[in-house]
Amino acid sequence: MPPSFSRRALLQAGAAIGAWPLFAHAQGAWPGKPVHLVVPFPPGGTTDYVTRLVGTELGKSLGQPVIVDNKPGAGTVIGVDYVAKSAPDGGSFVTVANSFCANATLVKKLPYDTLRDLRPVALMG
């Protein structure tokens, strides 16, 4: 026996299919502005050097400027806090090293939550 459809069910299905594009979210191409790489160490160190190399190649690949900014101090807390409190638009990244992992146990009260405010993106070296 072939399935039977009521006129009401067909109208509801048509309305649902027609309304589907209303729930789509349009997004522009990423990144829409310069990418910001923060190095929580002084200029001239290994982390700074590697970040600048990666930033140069990333800029060529994305076709957007990549800004490398050094924010040293407090065992990476200042630079990491800067990125943790930046706009969550995917345009700010921080390059960290081993001291970042130790800060959660060594520093009594960090101004950011390591697990909630930050996400690992890539391993460089």
PDB file of N, CA and C in Angstrom:
ATOM      1  N   MET A   1       0.849  -1.169   0.000  1.00  0.00           N
ATOM      2  CA  MET A   1       0.000   0.000   0.000  1.00  0.00           C
ATOM      3  C   MET A   1       0.897   1.236   0.000  1.00  0.00           C
ATOM      4  N   PRO A   2       0.711   2.150  -0.936  1.00  0.00           N
ATOM      5  CA  PRO A   2       1.547   3.346  -0.985  1.00  0.00           C
ATOM      6  C   PRO A   2       1.237   4.262   0.202  1.00  0.00           C
ATOM      7  N   PRO A   3       2.262   4.998   0.663  1.00  0.00           N
ATOM      8  CA  PRO A   3       2.026   5.895   1.792  1.00  0.00           C
ATOM      9  C   PRO A   3       1.097   7.036   1.382  1.00  0.00           C
ATOM     10  N   SER A   4       0.266   7.448   2.308  1.00  0.00           N
ATOM     11  CA  SER A   4      -0.643   8.557   2.016  1.00  0.00           C
ATOM     12  C   SER A   4      -0.216   9.771   2.833  1.00  0.00           C
ATOM     13  N   PHE A   5      -0.264  10.917   2.203  1.00  0.00           N
ATOM     14  CA  PHE A   5       0.111  12.166   2.856  1.00  0.00           C
ATOM     15  C   PHE A   5      -1.098  13.084   2.861  1.00  0.00           C
ATOM     16  N   SER A   6      -1.313  13.709   3.973  1.00  0.00           N
ATOM     17  CA  SER A   6      -2.399  14.686   4.016  1.00  0.00           C
ATOM     18  C   SER A   6      -1.892  16.009   3.454  1.00  0.00           C
ATOM     19  N   ARG A   7      -2.822  16.806   3.037  1.00  0.00           N
ATOM     20  CA  ARG A   7      -2.464  18.114   2.501  1.00  0.00           C
ATOM     21  C   ARG A   7      -1.775  18.958   3.585  1.00  0.00           C
ATOM     22  N   ARG A   8      -2.239  18.835   4.807  1.00  0.00           N
ATOM     23  CA  ARG A   8      -1.668  19.588   5.931  1.00  0.00           C
ATOM     24  C   ARG A   8      -0.203  19.188   6.163  1.00  0.00           C
ATOM     25  N   ALA A   9       0.105  17.897   6.125  1.00  0.00           N
ATOM     26  CA  ALA A   9       1.477  17.428   6.330  1.00  0.00           C
ATOM     27  C   ALA A   9       2.395  17.932   5.224  1.00  0.00           C
ATOM     28  N   LEU A  10       1.902  17.939   3.990  1.00  0.00           N
ATOM     29  CA  LEU A  10       2.713  18.439   2.883  1.00  0.00           C
ATOM     30  C   LEU A  10       2.984  19.937   3.020  1.00  0.00           C
ATOM     31  N   LEU A  11       1.992  20.701   3.455  1.00  0.00           N
ATOM     32  CA  LEU A  11       2.188  22.139   3.664  1.00  0.00           C
ATOM     33  C   LEU A  11       3.183  22.405   4.796  1.00  0.00           C
ATOM     34  N   GLN A  12       3.075  21.620   5.872  1.00  0.00           N
ATOM     35  CA  GLN A  12       4.010  21.787   6.990  1.00  0.00           C
ATOM     36  C   GLN A  12       5.433  21.440   6.564  1.00  0.00           C
ATOM     37  N   ALA A  13       5.592  20.385   5.805  1.00  0.00           N
ATOM     38  CA  ALA A  13       6.926  20.004   5.335  1.00  0.00           C
ATOM     39  C   ALA A  13       7.497  21.072   4.412  1.00  0.00           C
ATOM     40  N   GLY A  14       6.659  21.615   3.536  1.00  0.00           N
ATOM     41  CA  GLY A  14       7.121  22.678   2.639  1.00  0.00           C
ATOM     42  C   GLY A  14       7.530  23.925   3.397  1.00  0.00           C
ATOM     43  N   ALA A  15       6.751  24.279   4.423  1.00  0.00           N
ATOM     44  CA  ALA A  15       7.096  25.451   5.236  1.00  0.00           C
ATOM     45  C   ALA A  15       8.396  25.224   5.996  1.00  0.00           C
ATOM     46  N   ALA A  16       8.577  24.012   6.514  1.00  0.00           N
ATOM     47  CA  ALA A  16       9.806  23.712   7.257  1.00  0.00           C
ATOM     48  C   ALA A  16      11.026  23.776   6.341  1.00  0.00           C
ATOM     49  N   ILE A  17      10.896  23.230   5.155  1.00  0.00           N
ATOM     50  CA  ILE A  17      12.022  23.265   4.210  1.00  0.00           C
ATOM     51  C   ILE A  17      12.302  24.696   3.769  1.00  0.00           C
ATOM     52  N   GLY A  18      11.252  25.477   3.554  1.00  0.00           N
ATOM     53  CA  GLY A  18      11.433  26.868   3.148  1.00  0.00           C
ATOM     54  C   GLY A  18      12.043  27.735   4.235  1.00  0.00           C
ATOM     55  N   ALA A  19      11.788  27.395   5.494  1.00  0.00           N
ATOM     56  CA  ALA A  19      12.320  28.187   6.610  1.00  0.00           C
ATOM     57  C   ALA A  19      13.729  27.768   7.004  1.00  0.00           C
ATOM     58  N   TRP A  20      14.202  26.650   6.514  1.00  0.00           N
ATOM     59  CA  TRP A  20      15.510  26.137   6.924  1.00  0.00           C
ATOM     60  C   TRP A  20      16.647  27.145   6.740  1.00  0.00           C
ATOM     61  N   PRO A  21      16.740  27.877   5.623  1.00  0.00           N
ATOM     62  CA  PRO A  21      17.836  28.842   5.462  1.00  0.00           C
ATOM     63  C   PRO A  21      17.830  29.962   6.503  1.00  0.00           C
ATOM     64  N   LEU A  22      16.701  30.209   7.145  1.00  0.00           N
ATOM     65  CA  LEU A  22      16.652  31.254   8.169  1.00  0.00           C
ATOM     66  C   LEU A  22      17.528  30.913   9.371  1.00  0.00           C
ATOM     67  N   PHE A  23      17.780  29.630   9.589  1.00  0.00           N
ATOM     68  CA  PHE A  23      18.574  29.205  10.734  1.00  0.00           C
ATOM     69  C   PHE A  23      20.065  29.123  10.424  1.00  0.00           C
ATOM     70  N   ALA A  24      20.443  29.353   9.185  1.00  0.00           N
ATOM     71  CA  ALA A  24      21.860  29.323   8.804  1.00  0.00           C
ATOM     72  C   ALA A  24      22.529  30.620   9.255  1.00  0.00           C
ATOM     73  N   HIS A  25      23.743  30.514   9.731  1.00  0.00           N
ATOM     74  CA  HIS A  25      24.503  31.679  10.178  1.00  0.00           C
ATOM     75  C   HIS A  25      25.604  31.969   9.167  1.00  0.00           C
ATOM     76  N   ALA A  26      25.552  33.130   8.569  1.00  0.00           N
ATOM     77  CA  ALA A  26      26.571  33.509   7.592  1.00  0.00           C
ATOM     78  C   ALA A  26      27.805  34.018   8.315  1.00  0.00           C
ATOM     79  N   GLN A  27      28.959  33.571   7.894  1.00  0.00           N
ATOM     80  CA  GLN A  27      30.218  34.015   8.464  1.00  0.00           C
ATOM     81  C   GLN A  27      31.142  34.419   7.334  1.00  0.00           C
ATOM     82  N   GLY A  28      31.891  35.466   7.584  1.00  0.00           N
ATOM     83  CA  GLY A  28      32.880  35.888   6.613  1.00  0.00           C
ATOM     84  C   GLY A  28      34.091  34.972   6.650  1.00  0.00           C
ATOM     85  N   ALA A  29      34.961  35.146   5.707  1.00  0.00           N
ATOM     86  CA  ALA A  29      36.190  34.356   5.665  1.00  0.00           C
ATOM     87  C   ALA A  29      37.073  34.711   6.853  1.00  0.00           C
ATOM     88  N   TRP A  30      37.686  33.696   7.464  1.00  0.00           N
ATOM     89  CA  TRP A  30      38.599  33.928   8.578  1.00  0.00           C
ATOM     90  C   TRP A  30      39.997  34.020   8.021  1.00  0.00           C
ATOM     91  N   PRO A  31      40.845  34.851   8.459  1.00  0.00           N
ATOM     92  CA  PRO A  31      40.611  35.957   9.385  1.00  0.00           C
ATOM     93  C   PRO A  31      40.186  37.204   8.627  1.00  0.00           C
ATOM     94  N   GLY A  32      39.331  37.974   9.216  1.00  0.00           N
ATOM     95  CA  GLY A  32      38.884  39.209   8.603  1.00  0.00           C
ATOM     96  C   GLY A  32      39.731  40.398   9.008  1.00  0.00           C
ATOM     97  N   LYS A  33      40.671  40.171   9.907  1.00  0.00           N
ATOM     98  CA  LYS A  33      41.573  41.227  10.377  1.00  0.00           C
ATOM     99  C   LYS A  33      42.919  40.591  10.698  1.00  0.00           C
ATOM    100  N   PRO A  34      43.937  41.386  11.009  1.00  0.00           N
ATOM    101  CA  PRO A  34      45.255  40.810  11.287  1.00  0.00           C
ATOM    102  C   PRO A  34      45.233  39.811  12.447  1.00  0.00           C
ATOM    103  N   VAL A  35      46.041  38.773  12.322  1.00  0.00           N
ATOM    104  CA  VAL A  35      46.193  37.769  13.376  1.00  0.00           C
ATOM    105  C   VAL A  35      47.233  38.282  14.361  1.00  0.00           C
ATOM    106  N   HIS A  36      46.970  38.101  15.637  1.00  0.00           N
ATOM    107  CA  HIS A  36      47.824  38.630  16.693  1.00  0.00           C
ATOM    108  C   HIS A  36      48.459  37.465  17.453  1.00  0.00           C
ATOM    109  N   LEU A  37      49.772  37.297  17.323  1.00  0.00           N
ATOM    110  CA  LEU A  37      50.503  36.266  18.058  1.00  0.00           C
ATOM    111  C   LEU A  37      51.232  36.926  19.226  1.00  0.00           C
ATOM    112  N   VAL A  38      50.947  36.494  20.436  1.00  0.00           N
ATOM    113  CA  VAL A  38      51.574  37.060  21.629  1.00  0.00           C
ATOM    114  C   VAL A  38      52.630  36.087  22.133  1.00  0.00           C
ATOM    115  N   VAL A  39      53.821  36.624  22.378  1.00  0.00           N
ATOM    116  CA  VAL A  39      54.921  35.848  22.946  1.00  0.00           C
ATOM    117  C   VAL A  39      55.137  36.355  24.373  1.00  0.00           C
ATOM    118  N   PRO A  40      54.902  35.531  25.394  1.00  0.00           N
ATOM    119  CA  PRO A  40      55.053  36.005  26.769  1.00  0.00           C
ATOM    120  C   PRO A  40      56.499  35.947  27.274  1.00  0.00           C
ATOM    121  N   PHE A  41      57.438  36.165  26.389  1.00  0.00           N
ATOM    122  CA  PHE A  41      58.867  36.166  26.714  1.00  0.00           C
ATOM    123  C   PHE A  41      59.513  37.388  26.068  1.00  0.00           C
ATOM    124  N   PRO A  42      60.697  37.790  26.543  1.00  0.00           N
ATOM    125  CA  PRO A  42      61.382  38.940  25.937  1.00  0.00           C
ATOM    126  C   PRO A  42      61.796  38.653  24.489  1.00  0.00           C
ATOM    127  N   PRO A  43      61.967  39.702  23.679  1.00  0.00           N
ATOM    128  CA  PRO A  43      62.416  39.517  22.298  1.00  0.00           C
ATOM    129  C   PRO A  43      63.812  38.900  22.244  1.00  0.00           C
ATOM    130  N   GLY A  44      64.054  38.123  21.215  1.00  0.00           N
ATOM    131  CA  GLY A  44      65.378  37.564  20.981  1.00  0.00           C
ATOM    132  C   GLY A  44      65.555  36.140  21.454  1.00  0.00           C
ATOM    133  N   GLY A  45      64.604  35.597  22.178  1.00  0.00           N
ATOM    134  CA  GLY A  45      64.712  34.224  22.662  1.00  0.00           C
ATOM    135  C   GLY A  45      64.226  33.227  21.625  1.00  0.00           C
ATOM    136  N   THR A  46      64.354  31.967  21.961  1.00  0.00           N
ATOM    137  CA  THR A  46      63.958  30.908  21.039  1.00  0.00           C
ATOM    138  C   THR A  46      62.463  30.946  20.739  1.00  0.00           C
ATOM    139  N   THR A  47      61.643  31.139  21.761  1.00  0.00           N
ATOM    140  CA  THR A  47      60.194  31.183  21.552  1.00  0.00           C
ATOM    141  C   THR A  47      59.816  32.339  20.638  1.00  0.00           C
ATOM    142  N   ASP A  48      60.447  33.487  20.838  1.00  0.00           N
ATOM    143  CA  ASP A  48      60.199  34.651  19.990  1.00  0.00           C
ATOM    144  C   ASP A  48      60.609  34.356  18.550  1.00  0.00           C
ATOM    145  N   TYR A  49      61.769  33.750  18.375  1.00  0.00           N
ATOM    146  CA  TYR A  49      62.288  33.451  17.040  1.00  0.00           C
ATOM    147  C   TYR A  49      61.367  32.484  16.291  1.00  0.00           C
ATOM    148  N   VAL A  50      60.981  31.394  16.950  1.00  0.00           N
ATOM    149  CA  VAL A  50      60.115  30.397  16.312  1.00  0.00           C
ATOM    150  C   VAL A  50      58.750  31.005  15.984  1.00  0.00           C
ATOM    151  N   THR A  51      58.210  31.818  16.893  1.00  0.00           N
ATOM    152  CA  THR A  51      56.910  32.453  16.650  1.00  0.00           C
ATOM    153  C   THR A  51      56.980  33.397  15.464  1.00  0.00           C
ATOM    154  N   ARG A  52      58.074  34.131  15.336  1.00  0.00           N
ATOM    155  CA  ARG A  52      58.210  35.046  14.195  1.00  0.00           C
ATOM    156  C   ARG A  52      58.341  34.275  12.876  1.00  0.00           C
ATOM    157  N   LEU A  53      59.043  33.145  12.892  1.00  0.00           N
ATOM    158  CA  LEU A  53      59.129  32.313  11.683  1.00  0.00           C
ATOM    159  C   LEU A  53      57.751  31.776  11.293  1.00  0.00           C
ATOM    160  N   VAL A  54      57.035  31.248  12.275  1.00  0.00           N
ATOM    161  CA  VAL A  54      55.696  30.716  12.014  1.00  0.00           C
ATOM    162  C   VAL A  54      54.759  31.841  11.576  1.00  0.00           C
ATOM    163  N   GLY A  55      54.864  32.997  12.213  1.00  0.00           N
ATOM    164  CA  GLY A  55      54.021  34.139  11.865  1.00  0.00           C
ATOM    165  C   GLY A  55      54.231  34.610  10.442  1.00  0.00           C
ATOM    166  N   THR A  56      55.479  34.614   9.989  1.00  0.00           N
ATOM    167  CA  THR A  56      55.778  35.020   8.612  1.00  0.00           C
ATOM    168  C   THR A  56      55.120  34.074   7.614  1.00  0.00           C
ATOM    169  N   GLU A  57      55.265  32.785   7.829  1.00  0.00           N
ATOM    170  CA  GLU A  57      54.674  31.798   6.921  1.00  0.00           C
ATOM    171  C   GLU A  57      53.149  31.790   7.023  1.00  0.00           C
ATOM    172  N   LEU A  58      52.633  31.985   8.221  1.00  0.00           N
ATOM    173  CA  LEU A  58      51.183  32.039   8.413  1.00  0.00           C
ATOM    174  C   LEU A  58      50.586  33.234   7.677  1.00  0.00           C
ATOM    175  N   GLY A  59      51.274  34.361   7.734  1.00  0.00           N
ATOM    176  CA  GLY A  59      50.817  35.552   7.018  1.00  0.00           C
ATOM    177  C   GLY A  59      50.776  35.336   5.515  1.00  0.00           C
ATOM    178  N   LYS A  60      51.786  34.659   4.977  1.00  0.00           N
ATOM    179  CA  LYS A  60      51.802  34.354   3.537  1.00  0.00           C
ATOM    180  C   LYS A  60      50.650  33.422   3.174  1.00  0.00           C
ATOM    181  N   SER A  61      50.425  32.426   4.016  1.00  0.00           N
ATOM    182  CA  SER A  61      49.390  31.435   3.751  1.00  0.00           C
ATOM    183  C   SER A  61      47.982  32.023   3.841  1.00  0.00           C
ATOM    184  N   LEU A  62      47.747  32.881   4.839  1.00  0.00           N
ATOM    185  CA  LEU A  62      46.413  33.448   5.052  1.00  0.00           C
ATOM    186  C   LEU A  62      46.141  34.677   4.200  1.00  0.00           C
ATOM    187  N   GLY A  63      47.205  35.333   3.748  1.00  0.00           N
ATOM    188  CA  GLY A  63      47.031  36.576   3.012  1.00  0.00           C
ATOM    189  C   GLY A  63      46.630  37.735   3.909  1.00  0.00           C
ATOM    190  N   GLN A  64      46.933  37.620   5.179  1.00  0.00           N
ATOM    191  CA  GLN A  64      46.631  38.653   6.174  1.00  0.00           C
ATOM    192  C   GLN A  64      47.901  38.952   6.954  1.00  0.00           C
ATOM    193  N   PRO A  65      48.039  40.175   7.453  1.00  0.00           N
ATOM    194  CA  PRO A  65      49.197  40.461   8.296  1.00  0.00           C
ATOM    195  C   PRO A  65      49.124  39.693   9.613  1.00  0.00           C
ATOM    196  N   VAL A  66      50.273  39.244  10.073  1.00  0.00           N
ATOM    197  CA  VAL A  66      50.386  38.575  11.368  1.00  0.00           C
ATOM    198  C   VAL A  66      51.289  39.431  12.237  1.00  0.00           C
ATOM    199  N   ILE A  67      50.777  39.874  13.366  1.00  0.00           N
ATOM    200  CA  ILE A  67      51.513  40.745  14.281  1.00  0.00           C
ATOM    201  C   ILE A  67      52.037  39.902  15.433  1.00  0.00           C
ATOM    202  N   VAL A  68      53.347  39.938  15.645  1.00  0.00           N
ATOM    203  CA  VAL A  68      53.964  39.252  16.780  1.00  0.00           C
ATOM    204  C   VAL A  68      54.262  40.301  17.837  1.00  0.00           C
ATOM    205  N   ASP A  69      53.716  40.108  19.023  1.00  0.00           N
ATOM    206  CA  ASP A  69      53.820  41.080  20.105  1.00  0.00           C
ATOM    207  C   ASP A  69      54.402  40.399  21.338  1.00  0.00           C
ATOM    208  N   ASN A  70      55.498  40.937  21.867  1.00  0.00           N
ATOM    209  CA  ASN A  70      56.113  40.393  23.077  1.00  0.00           C
ATOM    210  C   ASN A  70      55.502  41.057  24.306  1.00  0.00           C
ATOM    211  N   LYS A  71      55.023  40.240  25.241  1.00  0.00           N
ATOM    212  CA  LYS A  71      54.486  40.726  26.511  1.00  0.00           C
ATOM    213  C   LYS A  71      55.097  39.875  27.623  1.00  0.00           C
ATOM    214  N   PRO A  72      56.377  40.128  27.944  1.00  0.00           N
ATOM    215  CA  PRO A  72      57.049  39.298  28.944  1.00  0.00           C
ATOM    216  C   PRO A  72      56.668  39.685  30.372  1.00  0.00           C
ATOM    217  N   GLY A  73      56.943  38.772  31.280  1.00  0.00           N
ATOM    218  CA  GLY A  73      56.798  39.074  32.695  1.00  0.00           C
ATOM    219  C   GLY A  73      55.951  38.067  33.445  1.00  0.00           C
ATOM    220  N   ALA A  74      56.264  37.934  34.723  1.00  0.00           N
ATOM    221  CA  ALA A  74      55.523  37.088  35.668  1.00  0.00           C
ATOM    222  C   ALA A  74      55.447  35.636  35.213  1.00  0.00           C
ATOM    223  N   GLY A  75      56.502  35.145  34.614  1.00  0.00           N
ATOM    224  CA  GLY A  75      56.532  33.740  34.208  1.00  0.00           C
ATOM    225  C   GLY A  75      55.443  33.394  33.208  1.00  0.00           C
ATOM    226  N   THR A  76      55.212  34.211  32.236  1.00  0.00           N
ATOM    227  CA  THR A  76      54.230  34.108  31.144  1.00  0.00           C
ATOM    228  C   THR A  76      52.813  34.535  31.539  1.00  0.00           C
ATOM    229  N   VAL A  77      52.579  34.865  32.800  1.00  0.00           N
ATOM    230  CA  VAL A  77      51.219  35.201  33.242  1.00  0.00           C
ATOM    231  C   VAL A  77      50.697  36.456  32.543  1.00  0.00           C
ATOM    232  N   ILE A  78      51.535  37.468  32.353  1.00  0.00           N
ATOM    233  CA  ILE A  78      51.092  38.731  31.749  1.00  0.00           C
ATOM    234  C   ILE A  78      50.648  38.517  30.298  1.00  0.00           C
ATOM    235  N   GLY A  79      51.463  37.844  29.511  1.00  0.00           N
ATOM    236  CA  GLY A  79      51.118  37.605  28.110  1.00  0.00           C
ATOM    237  C   GLY A  79      49.925  36.686  27.943  1.00  0.00           C
ATOM    238  N   VAL A  80      49.862  35.634  28.743  1.00  0.00           N
ATOM    239  CA  VAL A  80      48.746  34.696  28.648  1.00  0.00           C
ATOM    240  C   VAL A  80      47.453  35.371  29.098  1.00  0.00           C
ATOM    241  N   ASP A  81      47.524  36.177  30.148  1.00  0.00           N
ATOM    242  CA  ASP A  81      46.343  36.898  30.625  1.00  0.00           C
ATOM    243  C   ASP A  81      45.836  37.870  29.565  1.00  0.00           C
ATOM    244  N   TYR A  82      46.751  38.497  28.851  1.00  0.00           N
ATOM    245  CA  TYR A  82      46.369  39.420  27.775  1.00  0.00           C
ATOM    246  C   TYR A  82      45.535  38.698  26.717  1.00  0.00           C
ATOM    247  N   VAL A  83      45.968  37.509  26.324  1.00  0.00           N
ATOM    248  CA  VAL A  83      45.238  36.743  25.307  1.00  0.00           C
ATOM    249  C   VAL A  83      43.937  36.180  25.887  1.00  0.00           C
ATOM    250  N   ALA A  84      43.970  35.723  27.134  1.00  0.00           N
ATOM    251  CA  ALA A  84      42.762  35.167  27.751  1.00  0.00           C
ATOM    252  C   ALA A  84      41.657  36.208  27.855  1.00  0.00           C
ATOM    253  N   LYS A  85      42.029  37.470  28.019  1.00  0.00           N
ATOM    254  CA  LYS A  85      41.041  38.540  28.160  1.00  0.00           C
ATOM    255  C   LYS A  85      40.758  39.263  26.837  1.00  0.00           C
ATOM    256  N   SER A  86      41.395  38.846  25.758  1.00  0.00           N
ATOM    257  CA  SER A  86      41.136  39.479  24.462  1.00  0.00           C
ATOM    258  C   SER A  86      39.796  38.988  23.915  1.00  0.00           C
ATOM    259  N   ALA A  87      39.320  39.645  22.890  1.00  0.00           N
ATOM    260  CA  ALA A  87      38.033  39.273  22.291  1.00  0.00           C
ATOM    261  C   ALA A  87      38.092  37.838  21.766  1.00  0.00           C
ATOM    262  N   PRO A  88      37.072  37.039  22.038  1.00  0.00           N
ATOM    263  CA  PRO A  88      37.082  35.637  21.589  1.00  0.00           C
ATOM    264  C   PRO A  88      36.687  35.490  20.120  1.00  0.00           C
ATOM    265  N   ASP A  89      37.413  36.173  19.252  1.00  0.00           N
ATOM    266  CA  ASP A  89      37.099  36.152  17.826  1.00  0.00           C
ATOM    267  C   ASP A  89      38.045  35.271  17.021  1.00  0.00           C
ATOM    268  N   GLY A  90      38.946  34.566  17.693  1.00  0.00           N
ATOM    269  CA  GLY A  90      39.872  33.690  16.993  1.00  0.00           C
ATOM    270  C   GLY A  90      41.030  34.406  16.350  1.00  0.00           C
ATOM    271  N   GLY A  91      41.286  35.650  16.746  1.00  0.00           N
ATOM    272  CA  GLY A  91      42.360  36.417  16.138  1.00  0.00           C
ATOM    273  C   GLY A  91      43.580  36.584  17.014  1.00  0.00           C
ATOM    274  N   SER A  92      43.528  36.123  18.263  1.00  0.00           N
ATOM    275  CA  SER A  92      44.666  36.264  19.181  1.00  0.00           C
ATOM    276  C   SER A  92      45.126  34.890  19.643  1.00  0.00           C
ATOM    277  N   PHE A  93      46.432  34.688  19.556  1.00  0.00           N
ATOM    278  CA  PHE A  93      47.040  33.426  19.961  1.00  0.00           C
ATOM    279  C   PHE A  93      48.228  33.722  20.860  1.00  0.00           C
ATOM    280  N   VAL A  94      48.582  32.780  21.715  1.00  0.00           N
ATOM    281  CA  VAL A  94      49.743  32.940  22.581  1.00  0.00           C
ATOM    282  C   VAL A  94      50.655  31.734  22.377  1.00  0.00           C
ATOM    283  N   THR A  95      51.950  31.992  22.342  1.00  0.00           N
ATOM    284  CA  THR A  95      52.941  30.928  22.234  1.00  0.00           C
ATOM    285  C   THR A  95      53.510  30.693  23.624  1.00  0.00           C
ATOM    286  N   VAL A  96      53.346  29.508  24.145  1.00  0.00           N
ATOM    287  CA  VAL A  96      53.794  29.222  25.509  1.00  0.00           C
ATOM    288  C   VAL A  96      54.828  28.105  25.514  1.00  0.00           C
ATOM    289  N   ALA A  97      55.467  27.961  26.657  1.00  0.00           N
ATOM    290  CA  ALA A  97      56.465  26.907  26.849  1.00  0.00           C
ATOM    291  C   ALA A  97      56.143  26.172  28.153  1.00  0.00           C
ATOM    292  N   ASN A  98      57.095  25.430  28.662  1.00  0.00           N
ATOM    293  CA  ASN A  98      56.884  24.604  29.844  1.00  0.00           C
ATOM    294  C   ASN A  98      56.413  25.379  31.066  1.00  0.00           C
ATOM    295  N   SER A  99      56.873  26.607  31.234  1.00  0.00           N
ATOM    296  CA  SER A  99      56.496  27.374  32.420  1.00  0.00           C
ATOM    297  C   SER A  99      54.990  27.623  32.481  1.00  0.00           C
ATOM    298  N   PHE A 100      54.338  27.675  31.343  1.00  0.00           N
ATOM    299  CA  PHE A 100      52.885  27.861  31.313  1.00  0.00           C
ATOM    300  C   PHE A 100      52.184  26.711  32.029  1.00  0.00           C
ATOM    301  N   CYS A 101      52.639  25.499  31.798  1.00  0.00           N
ATOM    302  CA  CYS A 101      52.027  24.326  32.427  1.00  0.00           C
ATOM    303  C   CYS A 101      52.252  24.321  33.931  1.00  0.00           C
ATOM    304  N   ALA A 102      53.394  24.807  34.354  1.00  0.00           N
ATOM    305  CA  ALA A 102      53.709  24.816  35.782  1.00  0.00           C
ATOM    306  C   ALA A 102      52.975  25.919  36.532  1.00  0.00           C
ATOM    307  N   ASN A 103      52.591  26.985  35.848  1.00  0.00           N
ATOM    308  CA  ASN A 103      51.945  28.111  36.523  1.00  0.00           C
ATOM    309  C   ASN A 103      50.668  27.713  37.246  1.00  0.00           C
ATOM    310  N   ALA A 104      49.918  26.777  36.719  1.00  0.00           N
ATOM    311  CA  ALA A 104      48.665  26.368  37.352  1.00  0.00           C
ATOM    312  C   ALA A 104      48.895  25.788  38.743  1.00  0.00           C
ATOM    313  N   THR A 105      50.060  25.187  38.966  1.00  0.00           N
ATOM    314  CA  THR A 105      50.346  24.625  40.288  1.00  0.00           C
ATOM    315  C   THR A 105      51.210  25.537  41.143  1.00  0.00           C
ATOM    316  N   LEU A 106      52.017  26.391  40.527  1.00  0.00           N
ATOM    317  CA  LEU A 106      52.929  27.246  41.284  1.00  0.00           C
ATOM    318  C   LEU A 106      52.312  28.576  41.711  1.00  0.00           C
ATOM    319  N   VAL A 107      51.449  29.133  40.894  1.00  0.00           N
ATOM    320  CA  VAL A 107      50.844  30.427  41.200  1.00  0.00           C
ATOM    321  C   VAL A 107      49.506  30.171  41.883  1.00  0.00           C
ATOM    322  N   LYS A 108      49.351  30.756  43.068  1.00  0.00           N
ATOM    323  CA  LYS A 108      48.159  30.484  43.865  1.00  0.00           C
ATOM    324  C   LYS A 108      46.876  30.951  43.180  1.00  0.00           C
ATOM    325  N   LYS A 109      46.886  32.161  42.657  1.00  0.00           N
ATOM    326  CA  LYS A 109      45.667  32.689  42.030  1.00  0.00           C
ATOM    327  C   LYS A 109      46.014  33.314  40.686  1.00  0.00           C
ATOM    328  N   LEU A 110      45.778  32.578  39.617  1.00  0.00           N
ATOM    329  CA  LEU A 110      46.008  33.097  38.269  1.00  0.00           C
ATOM    330  C   LEU A 110      44.826  33.984  37.863  1.00  0.00           C
ATOM    331  N   PRO A 111      45.070  35.026  37.061  1.00  0.00           N
ATOM    332  CA  PRO A 111      43.969  35.890  36.626  1.00  0.00           C
ATOM    333  C   PRO A 111      43.119  35.267  35.515  1.00  0.00           C
ATOM    334  N   TYR A 112      43.407  34.039  35.146  1.00  0.00           N
ATOM    335  CA  TYR A 112      42.661  33.336  34.104  1.00  0.00           C
ATOM    336  C   TYR A 112      42.551  31.876  34.493  1.00  0.00           C
ATOM    337  N   ASP A 113      41.595  31.187  33.925  1.00  0.00           N
ATOM    338  CA  ASP A 113      41.440  29.753  34.138  1.00  0.00           C
ATOM    339  C   ASP A 113      42.058  29.044  32.934  1.00  0.00           C
ATOM    340  N   THR A 114      43.113  28.300  33.182  1.00  0.00           N
ATOM    341  CA  THR A 114      43.870  27.674  32.101  1.00  0.00           C
ATOM    342  C   THR A 114      42.995  26.775  31.232  1.00  0.00           C
ATOM    343  N   LEU A 115      42.104  26.013  31.836  1.00  0.00           N
ATOM    344  CA  LEU A 115      41.287  25.069  31.075  1.00  0.00           C
ATOM    345  C   LEU A 115      40.057  25.712  30.443  1.00  0.00           C
ATOM    346  N   ARG A 116      39.510  26.740  31.046  1.00  0.00           N
ATOM    347  CA  ARG A 116      38.290  27.356  30.532  1.00  0.00           C
ATOM    348  C   ARG A 116      38.562  28.469  29.522  1.00  0.00           C
ATOM    349  N   ASP A 117      39.581  29.298  29.772  1.00  0.00           N
ATOM    350  CA  ASP A 117      39.809  30.495  28.970  1.00  0.00           C
ATOM    351  C   ASP A 117      40.680  30.272  27.741  1.00  0.00           C
ATOM    352  N   LEU A 118      41.403  29.175  27.685  1.00  0.00           N
ATOM    353  CA  LEU A 118      42.355  28.948  26.588  1.00  0.00           C
ATOM    354  C   LEU A 118      42.155  27.566  25.984  1.00  0.00           C
ATOM    355  N   ARG A 119      42.489  27.445  24.714  1.00  0.00           N
ATOM    356  CA  ARG A 119      42.416  26.160  24.018  1.00  0.00           C
ATOM    357  C   ARG A 119      43.717  25.922  23.268  1.00  0.00           C
ATOM    358  N   PRO A 120      44.278  24.712  23.364  1.00  0.00           N
ATOM    359  CA  PRO A 120      45.471  24.419  22.562  1.00  0.00           C
ATOM    360  C   PRO A 120      45.091  24.314  21.087  1.00  0.00           C
ATOM    361  N   VAL A 121      45.943  24.887  20.242  1.00  0.00           N
ATOM    362  CA  VAL A 121      45.652  24.903  18.811  1.00  0.00           C
ATOM    363  C   VAL A 121      46.691  24.117  18.022  1.00  0.00           C
ATOM    364  N   ALA A 122      47.974  24.343  18.323  1.00  0.00           N
ATOM    365  CA  ALA A 122      49.024  23.693  17.541  1.00  0.00           C
ATOM    366  C   ALA A 122      50.249  23.462  18.407  1.00  0.00           C
ATOM    367  N   LEU A 123      51.052  22.505  18.002  1.00  0.00           N
ATOM    368  CA  LEU A 123      52.327  22.220  18.648  1.00  0.00           C
ATOM    369  C   LEU A 123      53.421  22.682  17.696  1.00  0.00           C
ATOM    370  N   MET A 124      54.287  23.573  18.183  1.00  0.00           N
ATOM    371  CA  MET A 124      55.366  24.105  17.342  1.00  0.00           C
ATOM    372  C   MET A 124      56.698  23.703  17.946  1.00  0.00           C
ATOM    373  N   GLY A 125      57.707  23.696  17.122  1.00  0.00           N
ATOM    374  CA  GLY A 125      59.015  23.428  17.678  1.00  0.00           C
ATOM    375  C   GLY A 125      60.050  23.216  16.616  1.00  0.00           C
TER     376      GLY A 125
END
